[in-house]
Amino acid sequence: MTNDGFKETRRTMERAIRRLNALEYAMLLAAAFFALAGGAVVAFLLAPAGISFRVSWAVASLLLFLIPAAGVARREAGKERRAGDIDKERRNDEANGGR
């Protein structure tokens, strides 16, 4: 087998990775936009109560962006931890002769 097939596979994988990175950034920008828009709605609803629009908009926008981000980060950390536990169990099974 020649390396030509691997070059084409590598090129295809790099293109797919670039496209996924672009999609990831687009989703991040959309999330930031919706957090800002949602913060503006919350600030508009709180304005009659005498709360500063700018301050409430900033706080609400940050909360609407950071709380879901923290949830995603926590979920991903749990996935990595479970994957590490599975790898550890697999290594233990192999060390014990597959028992």
PDB file of N, CA and C in Angstrom:
ATOM      1  N   MET A   1       0.843  -1.174   0.000  1.00  0.00           N
ATOM      2  CA  MET A   1       0.000   0.000   0.000  1.00  0.00           C
ATOM      3  C   MET A   1       0.888   1.236   0.000  1.00  0.00           C
ATOM      4  N   THR A   2       0.511   2.232  -0.758  1.00  0.00           N
ATOM      5  CA  THR A   2       1.302   3.458  -0.842  1.00  0.00           C
ATOM      6  C   THR A   2       0.742   4.499   0.109  1.00  0.00           C
ATOM      7  N   ASN A   3       1.515   5.558   0.287  1.00  0.00           N
ATOM      8  CA  ASN A   3       1.089   6.640   1.175  1.00  0.00           C
ATOM      9  C   ASN A   3       0.079   7.571   0.511  1.00  0.00           C
ATOM     10  N   ASP A   4      -0.156   7.407  -0.816  1.00  0.00           N
ATOM     11  CA  ASP A   4      -1.087   8.286  -1.514  1.00  0.00           C
ATOM     12  C   ASP A   4      -2.492   8.195  -0.926  1.00  0.00           C
ATOM     13  N   GLY A   5      -2.922   7.007  -0.579  1.00  0.00           N
ATOM     14  CA  GLY A   5      -4.238   6.835   0.034  1.00  0.00           C
ATOM     15  C   GLY A   5      -4.319   7.515   1.385  1.00  0.00           C
ATOM     16  N   PHE A   6      -3.227   7.452   2.110  1.00  0.00           N
ATOM     17  CA  PHE A   6      -3.204   8.100   3.421  1.00  0.00           C
ATOM     18  C   PHE A   6      -3.210   9.622   3.287  1.00  0.00           C
ATOM     19  N   LYS A   7      -2.542  10.137   2.247  1.00  0.00           N
ATOM     20  CA  LYS A   7      -2.532  11.584   2.031  1.00  0.00           C
ATOM     21  C   LYS A   7      -3.949  12.091   1.759  1.00  0.00           C
ATOM     22  N   GLU A   8      -4.674  11.357   0.931  1.00  0.00           N
ATOM     23  CA  GLU A   8      -6.054  11.764   0.627  1.00  0.00           C
ATOM     24  C   GLU A   8      -6.931  11.679   1.869  1.00  0.00           C
ATOM     25  N   THR A   9      -6.746  10.641   2.657  1.00  0.00           N
ATOM     26  CA  THR A   9      -7.516  10.500   3.899  1.00  0.00           C
ATOM     27  C   THR A   9      -7.175  11.626   4.858  1.00  0.00           C
ATOM     28  N   ARG A  10      -5.895  11.933   4.971  1.00  0.00           N
ATOM     29  CA  ARG A  10      -5.460  13.009   5.858  1.00  0.00           C
ATOM     30  C   ARG A  10      -6.041  14.347   5.410  1.00  0.00           C
ATOM     31  N   ARG A  11      -6.040  14.599   4.100  1.00  0.00           N
ATOM     32  CA  ARG A  11      -6.581  15.842   3.557  1.00  0.00           C
ATOM     33  C   ARG A  11      -8.083  15.935   3.837  1.00  0.00           C
ATOM     34  N   THR A  12      -8.791  14.831   3.673  1.00  0.00           N
ATOM     35  CA  THR A  12     -10.227  14.799   3.932  1.00  0.00           C
ATOM     36  C   THR A  12     -10.514  15.044   5.415  1.00  0.00           C
ATOM     37  N   MET A  13      -9.737  14.433   6.274  1.00  0.00           N
ATOM     38  CA  MET A  13      -9.926  14.624   7.717  1.00  0.00           C
ATOM     39  C   MET A  13      -9.640  16.071   8.123  1.00  0.00           C
ATOM     40  N   GLU A  14      -8.598  16.665   7.568  1.00  0.00           N
ATOM     41  CA  GLU A  14      -8.283  18.056   7.889  1.00  0.00           C
ATOM     42  C   GLU A  14      -9.397  18.992   7.441  1.00  0.00           C
ATOM     43  N   ARG A  15      -9.971  18.719   6.263  1.00  0.00           N
ATOM     44  CA  ARG A  15     -11.085  19.544   5.785  1.00  0.00           C
ATOM     45  C   ARG A  15     -12.299  19.395   6.701  1.00  0.00           C
ATOM     46  N   ALA A  16     -12.583  18.179   7.135  1.00  0.00           N
ATOM     47  CA  ALA A  16     -13.706  17.946   8.042  1.00  0.00           C
ATOM     48  C   ALA A  16     -13.474  18.654   9.377  1.00  0.00           C
ATOM     49  N   ILE A  17     -12.257  18.612   9.875  1.00  0.00           N
ATOM     50  CA  ILE A  17     -11.947  19.284  11.142  1.00  0.00           C
ATOM     51  C   ILE A  17     -12.121  20.792  11.002  1.00  0.00           C
ATOM     52  N   ARG A  18     -11.658  21.367   9.893  1.00  0.00           N
ATOM     53  CA  ARG A  18     -11.838  22.813   9.679  1.00  0.00           C
ATOM     54  C   ARG A  18     -13.318  23.180   9.642  1.00  0.00           C
ATOM     55  N   ARG A  19     -14.117  22.356   8.965  1.00  0.00           N
ATOM     56  CA  ARG A  19     -15.554  22.641   8.881  1.00  0.00           C
ATOM     57  C   ARG A  19     -16.221  22.526  10.257  1.00  0.00           C
ATOM     58  N   LEU A  20     -15.832  21.534  11.023  1.00  0.00           N
ATOM     59  CA  LEU A  20     -16.400  21.389  12.369  1.00  0.00           C
ATOM     60  C   LEU A  20     -15.988  22.543  13.268  1.00  0.00           C
ATOM     61  N   ASN A  21     -14.750  23.018  13.124  1.00  0.00           N
ATOM     62  CA  ASN A  21     -14.316  24.173  13.907  1.00  0.00           C
ATOM     63  C   ASN A  21     -15.126  25.410  13.538  1.00  0.00           C
ATOM     64  N   ALA A  22     -15.374  25.606  12.238  1.00  0.00           N
ATOM     65  CA  ALA A  22     -16.189  26.743  11.800  1.00  0.00           C
ATOM     66  C   ALA A  22     -17.605  26.634  12.366  1.00  0.00           C
ATOM     67  N   LEU A  23     -18.164  25.430  12.345  1.00  0.00           N
ATOM     68  CA  LEU A  23     -19.502  25.221  12.904  1.00  0.00           C
ATOM     69  C   LEU A  23     -19.519  25.500  14.400  1.00  0.00           C
ATOM     70  N   GLU A  24     -18.478  25.087  15.089  1.00  0.00           N
ATOM     71  CA  GLU A  24     -18.392  25.325  16.534  1.00  0.00           C
ATOM     72  C   GLU A  24     -18.360  26.822  16.835  1.00  0.00           C
ATOM     73  N   TYR A  25     -17.569  27.579  16.079  1.00  0.00           N
ATOM     74  CA  TYR A  25     -17.520  29.030  16.290  1.00  0.00           C
ATOM     75  C   TYR A  25     -18.849  29.687  15.943  1.00  0.00           C
ATOM     76  N   ALA A  26     -19.520  29.213  14.898  1.00  0.00           N
ATOM     77  CA  ALA A  26     -20.830  29.766  14.538  1.00  0.00           C
ATOM     78  C   ALA A  26     -21.838  29.527  15.656  1.00  0.00           C
ATOM     79  N   MET A  27     -21.806  28.335  16.237  1.00  0.00           N
ATOM     80  CA  MET A  27     -22.724  28.039  17.335  1.00  0.00           C
ATOM     81  C   MET A  27     -22.401  28.884  18.566  1.00  0.00           C
ATOM     82  N   LEU A  28     -21.124  29.120  18.823  1.00  0.00           N
ATOM     83  CA  LEU A  28     -20.731  29.960  19.955  1.00  0.00           C
ATOM     84  C   LEU A  28     -21.201  31.396  19.749  1.00  0.00           C
ATOM     85  N   LEU A  29     -21.049  31.916  18.530  1.00  0.00           N
ATOM     86  CA  LEU A  29     -21.536  33.266  18.231  1.00  0.00           C
ATOM     87  C   LEU A  29     -23.056  33.348  18.353  1.00  0.00           C
ATOM     88  N   ALA A  30     -23.758  32.315  17.900  1.00  0.00           N
ATOM     89  CA  ALA A  30     -25.217  32.306  18.017  1.00  0.00           C
ATOM     90  C   ALA A  30     -25.627  32.281  19.487  1.00  0.00           C
ATOM     91  N   ALA A  31     -24.921  31.497  20.298  1.00  0.00           N
ATOM     92  CA  ALA A  31     -25.230  31.448  21.733  1.00  0.00           C
ATOM     93  C   ALA A  31     -24.993  32.807  22.377  1.00  0.00           C
ATOM     94  N   ALA A  32     -23.909  33.476  22.003  1.00  0.00           N
ATOM     95  CA  ALA A  32     -23.633  34.807  22.555  1.00  0.00           C
ATOM     96  C   ALA A  32     -24.717  35.801  22.130  1.00  0.00           C
ATOM     97  N   PHE A  33     -25.128  35.728  20.867  1.00  0.00           N
ATOM     98  CA  PHE A  33     -26.187  36.617  20.387  1.00  0.00           C
ATOM     99  C   PHE A  33     -27.490  36.398  21.154  1.00  0.00           C
ATOM    100  N   PHE A  34     -27.875  35.133  21.321  1.00  0.00           N
ATOM    101  CA  PHE A  34     -29.122  34.839  22.033  1.00  0.00           C
ATOM    102  C   PHE A  34     -29.025  35.204  23.516  1.00  0.00           C
ATOM    103  N   ALA A  35     -27.845  35.086  24.098  1.00  0.00           N
ATOM    104  CA  ALA A  35     -27.669  35.505  25.485  1.00  0.00           C
ATOM    105  C   ALA A  35     -27.833  37.018  25.604  1.00  0.00           C
ATOM    106  N   LEU A  36     -27.265  37.752  24.659  1.00  0.00           N
ATOM    107  CA  LEU A  36     -27.426  39.213  24.668  1.00  0.00           C
ATOM    108  C   LEU A  36     -28.883  39.617  24.434  1.00  0.00           C
ATOM    109  N   ALA A  37     -29.538  38.953  23.495  1.00  0.00           N
ATOM    110  CA  ALA A  37     -30.943  39.268  23.215  1.00  0.00           C
ATOM    111  C   ALA A  37     -31.822  38.909  24.411  1.00  0.00           C
ATOM    112  N   GLY A  38     -31.585  37.751  25.007  1.00  0.00           N
ATOM    113  CA  GLY A  38     -32.360  37.361  26.187  1.00  0.00           C
ATOM    114  C   GLY A  38     -32.100  38.298  27.355  1.00  0.00           C
ATOM    115  N   GLY A  39     -30.851  38.722  27.513  1.00  0.00           N
ATOM    116  CA  GLY A  39     -30.528  39.693  28.565  1.00  0.00           C
ATOM    117  C   GLY A  39     -31.243  41.014  28.357  1.00  0.00           C
ATOM    118  N   ALA A  40     -31.365  41.418  27.099  1.00  0.00           N
ATOM    119  CA  ALA A  40     -32.088  42.663  26.802  1.00  0.00           C
ATOM    120  C   ALA A  40     -33.563  42.533  27.148  1.00  0.00           C
ATOM    121  N   VAL A  41     -34.142  41.370  26.857  1.00  0.00           N
ATOM    122  CA  VAL A  41     -35.555  41.152  27.193  1.00  0.00           C
ATOM    123  C   VAL A  41     -35.749  41.190  28.708  1.00  0.00           C
ATOM    124  N   VAL A  42     -34.870  40.516  29.436  1.00  0.00           N
ATOM    125  CA  VAL A  42     -34.967  40.518  30.903  1.00  0.00           C
ATOM    126  C   VAL A  42     -34.801  41.937  31.433  1.00  0.00           C
ATOM    127  N   ALA A  43     -33.833  42.673  30.901  1.00  0.00           N
ATOM    128  CA  ALA A  43     -33.602  44.050  31.356  1.00  0.00           C
ATOM    129  C   ALA A  43     -34.809  44.928  31.044  1.00  0.00           C
ATOM    130  N   PHE A  44     -35.432  44.731  29.891  1.00  0.00           N
ATOM    131  CA  PHE A  44     -36.616  45.492  29.526  1.00  0.00           C
ATOM    132  C   PHE A  44     -37.765  45.216  30.497  1.00  0.00           C
ATOM    133  N   LEU A  45     -37.883  43.940  30.895  1.00  0.00           N
ATOM    134  CA  LEU A  45     -38.955  43.589  31.834  1.00  0.00           C
ATOM    135  C   LEU A  45     -38.675  44.114  33.247  1.00  0.00           C
ATOM    136  N   LEU A  46     -37.402  44.247  33.608  1.00  0.00           N
ATOM    137  CA  LEU A  46     -37.054  44.745  34.941  1.00  0.00           C
ATOM    138  C   LEU A  46     -36.980  46.273  35.016  1.00  0.00           C
ATOM    139  N   ALA A  47     -36.957  46.948  33.878  1.00  0.00           N
ATOM    140  CA  ALA A  47     -36.824  48.408  33.849  1.00  0.00           C
ATOM    141  C   ALA A  47     -37.950  49.127  34.604  1.00  0.00           C
ATOM    142  N   PRO A  48     -39.214  48.717  34.491  1.00  0.00           N
ATOM    143  CA  PRO A  48     -40.268  49.412  35.250  1.00  0.00           C
ATOM    144  C   PRO A  48     -40.097  49.299  36.764  1.00  0.00           C
ATOM    145  N   ALA A  49     -39.340  48.321  37.230  1.00  0.00           N
ATOM    146  CA  ALA A  49     -39.120  48.166  38.671  1.00  0.00           C
ATOM    147  C   ALA A  49     -38.044  49.116  39.184  1.00  0.00           C
ATOM    148  N   GLY A  50     -37.475  49.929  38.291  1.00  0.00           N
ATOM    149  CA  GLY A  50     -36.475  50.904  38.699  1.00  0.00           C
ATOM    150  C   GLY A  50     -35.044  50.380  38.669  1.00  0.00           C
ATOM    151  N   ILE A  51     -34.850  49.215  38.097  1.00  0.00           N
ATOM    152  CA  ILE A  51     -33.510  48.645  37.994  1.00  0.00           C
ATOM    153  C   ILE A  51     -32.867  49.162  36.712  1.00  0.00           C
ATOM    154  N   SER A  52     -31.602  49.545  36.807  1.00  0.00           N
ATOM    155  CA  SER A  52     -30.884  50.088  35.657  1.00  0.00           C
ATOM    156  C   SER A  52     -30.880  49.095  34.505  1.00  0.00           C
ATOM    157  N   PHE A  53     -31.239  49.600  33.316  1.00  0.00           N
ATOM    158  CA  PHE A  53     -31.320  48.733  32.141  1.00  0.00           C
ATOM    159  C   PHE A  53     -29.958  48.157  31.796  1.00  0.00           C
ATOM    160  N   ARG A  54     -28.922  48.986  31.774  1.00  0.00           N
ATOM    161  CA  ARG A  54     -27.595  48.522  31.373  1.00  0.00           C
ATOM    162  C   ARG A  54     -27.036  47.480  32.331  1.00  0.00           C
ATOM    163  N   VAL A  55     -27.184  47.732  33.613  1.00  0.00           N
ATOM    164  CA  VAL A  55     -26.645  46.797  34.605  1.00  0.00           C
ATOM    165  C   VAL A  55     -27.396  45.470  34.537  1.00  0.00           C
ATOM    166  N   SER A  56     -28.718  45.537  34.495  1.00  0.00           N
ATOM    167  CA  SER A  56     -29.491  44.294  34.445  1.00  0.00           C
ATOM    168  C   SER A  56     -29.262  43.554  33.129  1.00  0.00           C
ATOM    169  N   TRP A  57     -29.057  44.288  32.036  1.00  0.00           N
ATOM    170  CA  TRP A  57     -28.773  43.655  30.753  1.00  0.00           C
ATOM    171  C   TRP A  57     -27.440  42.915  30.808  1.00  0.00           C
ATOM    172  N   ALA A  58     -26.433  43.558  31.369  1.00  0.00           N
ATOM    173  CA  ALA A  58     -25.111  42.931  31.476  1.00  0.00           C
ATOM    174  C   ALA A  58     -25.165  41.687  32.367  1.00  0.00           C
ATOM    175  N   VAL A  59     -25.792  41.811  33.524  1.00  0.00           N
ATOM    176  CA  VAL A  59     -25.851  40.683  34.459  1.00  0.00           C
ATOM    177  C   VAL A  59     -26.673  39.537  33.873  1.00  0.00           C
ATOM    178  N   ALA A  60     -27.819  39.847  33.309  1.00  0.00           N
ATOM    179  CA  ALA A  60     -28.679  38.803  32.741  1.00  0.00           C
ATOM    180  C   ALA A  60     -27.992  38.119  31.553  1.00  0.00           C
ATOM    181  N   SER A  61     -27.336  38.890  30.718  1.00  0.00           N
ATOM    182  CA  SER A  61     -26.644  38.303  29.571  1.00  0.00           C
ATOM    183  C   SER A  61     -25.527  37.366  30.019  1.00  0.00           C
ATOM    184  N   LEU A  62     -24.754  37.795  31.000  1.00  0.00           N
ATOM    185  CA  LEU A  62     -23.692  36.933  31.523  1.00  0.00           C
ATOM    186  C   LEU A  62     -24.266  35.648  32.113  1.00  0.00           C
ATOM    187  N   LEU A  63     -25.329  35.785  32.869  1.00  0.00           N
ATOM    188  CA  LEU A  63     -25.938  34.595  33.464  1.00  0.00           C
ATOM    189  C   LEU A  63     -26.495  33.652  32.403  1.00  0.00           C
ATOM    190  N   LEU A  64     -27.134  34.231  31.388  1.00  0.00           N
ATOM    191  CA  LEU A  64     -27.704  33.408  30.322  1.00  0.00           C
ATOM    192  C   LEU A  64     -26.631  32.730  29.473  1.00  0.00           C
ATOM    193  N   PHE A  65     -25.420  33.252  29.485  1.00  0.00           N
ATOM    194  CA  PHE A  65     -24.333  32.636  28.737  1.00  0.00           C
ATOM    195  C   PHE A  65     -23.516  31.691  29.612  1.00  0.00           C
ATOM    196  N   LEU A  66     -23.240  32.079  30.839  1.00  0.00           N
ATOM    197  CA  LEU A  66     -22.333  31.310  31.694  1.00  0.00           C
ATOM    198  C   LEU A  66     -22.983  30.096  32.353  1.00  0.00           C
ATOM    199  N   ILE A  67     -24.251  30.177  32.726  1.00  0.00           N
ATOM    200  CA  ILE A  67     -24.891  29.042  33.389  1.00  0.00           C
ATOM    201  C   ILE A  67     -24.988  27.831  32.443  1.00  0.00           C
ATOM    202  N   PRO A  68     -25.458  27.983  31.206  1.00  0.00           N
ATOM    203  CA  PRO A  68     -25.444  26.821  30.302  1.00  0.00           C
ATOM    204  C   PRO A  68     -24.020  26.341  29.996  1.00  0.00           C
ATOM    205  N   ALA A  69     -23.071  27.276  29.876  1.00  0.00           N
ATOM    206  CA  ALA A  69     -21.684  26.880  29.601  1.00  0.00           C
ATOM    207  C   ALA A  69     -21.123  26.056  30.745  1.00  0.00           C
ATOM    208  N   ALA A  70     -21.443  26.424  31.980  1.00  0.00           N
ATOM    209  CA  ALA A  70     -20.979  25.652  33.136  1.00  0.00           C
ATOM    210  C   ALA A  70     -21.611  24.264  33.139  1.00  0.00           C
ATOM    211  N   GLY A  71     -22.868  24.170  32.747  1.00  0.00           N
ATOM    212  CA  GLY A  71     -23.527  22.870  32.673  1.00  0.00           C
ATOM    213  C   GLY A  71     -22.891  21.964  31.626  1.00  0.00           C
ATOM    214  N   VAL A  72     -22.557  22.525  30.482  1.00  0.00           N
ATOM    215  CA  VAL A  72     -21.908  21.739  29.432  1.00  0.00           C
ATOM    216  C   VAL A  72     -20.521  21.302  29.888  1.00  0.00           C
ATOM    217  N   ALA A  73     -19.771  22.210  30.516  1.00  0.00           N
ATOM    218  CA  ALA A  73     -18.430  21.861  30.991  1.00  0.00           C
ATOM    219  C   ALA A  73     -18.497  20.754  32.040  1.00  0.00           C
ATOM    220  N   ARG A  74     -19.492  20.830  32.911  1.00  0.00           N
ATOM    221  CA  ARG A  74     -19.638  19.794  33.942  1.00  0.00           C
ATOM    222  C   ARG A  74     -19.989  18.440  33.316  1.00  0.00           C
ATOM    223  N   ARG A  75     -20.868  18.458  32.330  1.00  0.00           N
ATOM    224  CA  ARG A  75     -21.247  17.220  31.660  1.00  0.00           C
ATOM    225  C   ARG A  75     -20.054  16.603  30.934  1.00  0.00           C
ATOM    226  N   GLU A  76     -19.267  17.420  30.252  1.00  0.00           N
ATOM    227  CA  GLU A  76     -18.099  16.917  29.531  1.00  0.00           C
ATOM    228  C   GLU A  76     -17.053  16.367  30.491  1.00  0.00           C
ATOM    229  N   ALA A  77     -16.880  17.014  31.642  1.00  0.00           N
ATOM    230  CA  ALA A  77     -15.936  16.514  32.638  1.00  0.00           C
ATOM    231  C   ALA A  77     -16.395  15.154  33.157  1.00  0.00           C
ATOM    232  N   GLY A  78     -17.693  14.984  33.337  1.00  0.00           N
ATOM    233  CA  GLY A  78     -18.231  13.698  33.770  1.00  0.00           C
ATOM    234  C   GLY A  78     -17.998  12.610  32.737  1.00  0.00           C
ATOM    235  N   LYS A  79     -18.151  12.963  31.451  1.00  0.00           N
ATOM    236  CA  LYS A  79     -17.895  11.991  30.380  1.00  0.00           C
ATOM    237  C   LYS A  79     -16.434  11.560  30.386  1.00  0.00           C
ATOM    238  N   GLU A  80     -15.529  12.516  30.550  1.00  0.00           N
ATOM    239  CA  GLU A  80     -14.103  12.186  30.575  1.00  0.00           C
ATOM    240  C   GLU A  80     -13.766  11.325  31.785  1.00  0.00           C
ATOM    241  N   ARG A  81     -14.381  11.635  32.913  1.00  0.00           N
ATOM    242  CA  ARG A  81     -14.126  10.861  34.126  1.00  0.00           C
ATOM    243  C   ARG A  81     -14.621   9.423  33.955  1.00  0.00           C
ATOM    244  N   ARG A  82     -15.819   9.264  33.364  1.00  0.00           N
ATOM    245  CA  ARG A  82     -16.347   7.918  33.134  1.00  0.00           C
ATOM    246  C   ARG A  82     -15.494   7.160  32.131  1.00  0.00           C
ATOM    247  N   ALA A  83     -15.010   7.847  31.104  1.00  0.00           N
ATOM    248  CA  ALA A  83     -14.146   7.195  30.117  1.00  0.00           C
ATOM    249  C   ALA A  83     -12.848   6.747  30.771  1.00  0.00           C
ATOM    250  N   GLY A  84     -12.315   7.556  31.686  1.00  0.00           N
ATOM    251  CA  GLY A  84     -11.106   7.173  32.409  1.00  0.00           C
ATOM    252  C   GLY A  84     -11.348   5.979  33.301  1.00  0.00           C
ATOM    253  N   ASP A  85     -12.521   5.916  33.935  1.00  0.00           N
ATOM    254  CA  ASP A  85     -12.860   4.764  34.784  1.00  0.00           C
ATOM    255  C   ASP A  85     -12.978   3.491  33.957  1.00  0.00           C
ATOM    256  N   ILE A  86     -13.562   3.602  32.776  1.00  0.00           N
ATOM    257  CA  ILE A  86     -13.706   2.434  31.901  1.00  0.00           C
ATOM    258  C   ILE A  86     -12.331   1.950  31.459  1.00  0.00           C
ATOM    259  N   ASP A  87     -11.446   2.895  31.107  1.00  0.00           N
ATOM    260  CA  ASP A  87     -10.087   2.508  30.710  1.00  0.00           C
ATOM    261  C   ASP A  87      -9.357   1.837  31.861  1.00  0.00           C
ATOM    262  N   LYS A  88      -9.545   2.346  33.067  1.00  0.00           N
ATOM    263  CA  LYS A  88      -8.888   1.768  34.235  1.00  0.00           C
ATOM    264  C   LYS A  88      -9.394   0.347  34.479  1.00  0.00           C
ATOM    265  N   GLU A  89     -10.709   0.141  34.358  1.00  0.00           N
ATOM    266  CA  GLU A  89     -11.272  -1.207  34.523  1.00  0.00           C
ATOM    267  C   GLU A  89     -10.742  -2.158  33.450  1.00  0.00           C
ATOM    268  N   ARG A  90     -10.634  -1.681  32.227  1.00  0.00           N
ATOM    269  CA  ARG A  90     -10.137  -2.519  31.134  1.00  0.00           C
ATOM    270  C   ARG A  90      -8.684  -2.925  31.393  1.00  0.00           C
ATOM    271  N   ARG A  91      -7.861  -1.984  31.861  1.00  0.00           N
ATOM    272  CA  ARG A  91      -6.465  -2.313  32.169  1.00  0.00           C
ATOM    273  C   ARG A  91      -6.380  -3.310  33.312  1.00  0.00           C
ATOM    274  N   ASN A  92      -7.232  -3.148  34.322  1.00  0.00           N
ATOM    275  CA  ASN A  92      -7.244  -4.100  35.438  1.00  0.00           C
ATOM    276  C   ASN A  92      -7.654  -5.492  34.966  1.00  0.00           C
ATOM    277  N   ASP A  93      -8.654  -5.561  34.096  1.00  0.00           N
ATOM    278  CA  ASP A  93      -9.085  -6.854  33.562  1.00  0.00           C
ATOM    279  C   ASP A  93      -7.961  -7.516  32.762  1.00  0.00           C
ATOM    280  N   GLU A  94      -7.260  -6.727  31.967  1.00  0.00           N
ATOM    281  CA  GLU A  94      -6.163  -7.293  31.189  1.00  0.00           C
ATOM    282  C   GLU A  94      -5.028  -7.766  32.093  1.00  0.00           C
ATOM    283  N   ALA A  95      -4.763  -7.027  33.163  1.00  0.00           N
ATOM    284  CA  ALA A  95      -3.697  -7.418  34.101  1.00  0.00           C
ATOM    285  C   ALA A  95      -4.066  -8.690  34.858  1.00  0.00           C
ATOM    286  N   ASN A  96      -5.358  -8.908  35.069  1.00  0.00           N
ATOM    287  CA  ASN A  96      -5.815 -10.104  35.793  1.00  0.00           C
ATOM    288  C   ASN A  96      -6.100 -11.283  34.869  1.00  0.00           C
ATOM    289  N   GLY A  97      -5.680 -11.174  33.641  1.00  0.00           N
ATOM    290  CA  GLY A  97      -5.872 -12.292  32.710  1.00  0.00           C
ATOM    291  C   GLY A  97      -7.279 -12.352  32.138  1.00  0.00           C
ATOM    292  N   GLY A  98      -7.998 -11.227  32.088  1.00  0.00           N
ATOM    293  CA  GLY A  98      -9.335 -11.202  31.508  1.00  0.00           C
ATOM    294  C   GLY A  98     -10.423 -11.699  32.427  1.00  0.00           C
ATOM    295  N   ARG A  99     -10.171 -11.721  33.706  1.00  0.00           N
ATOM    296  CA  ARG A  99     -11.195 -12.210  34.659  1.00  0.00           C
ATOM    297  C   ARG A  99     -12.078 -11.106  35.139  1.00  0.00           C
TER     298      ARG A  99
END
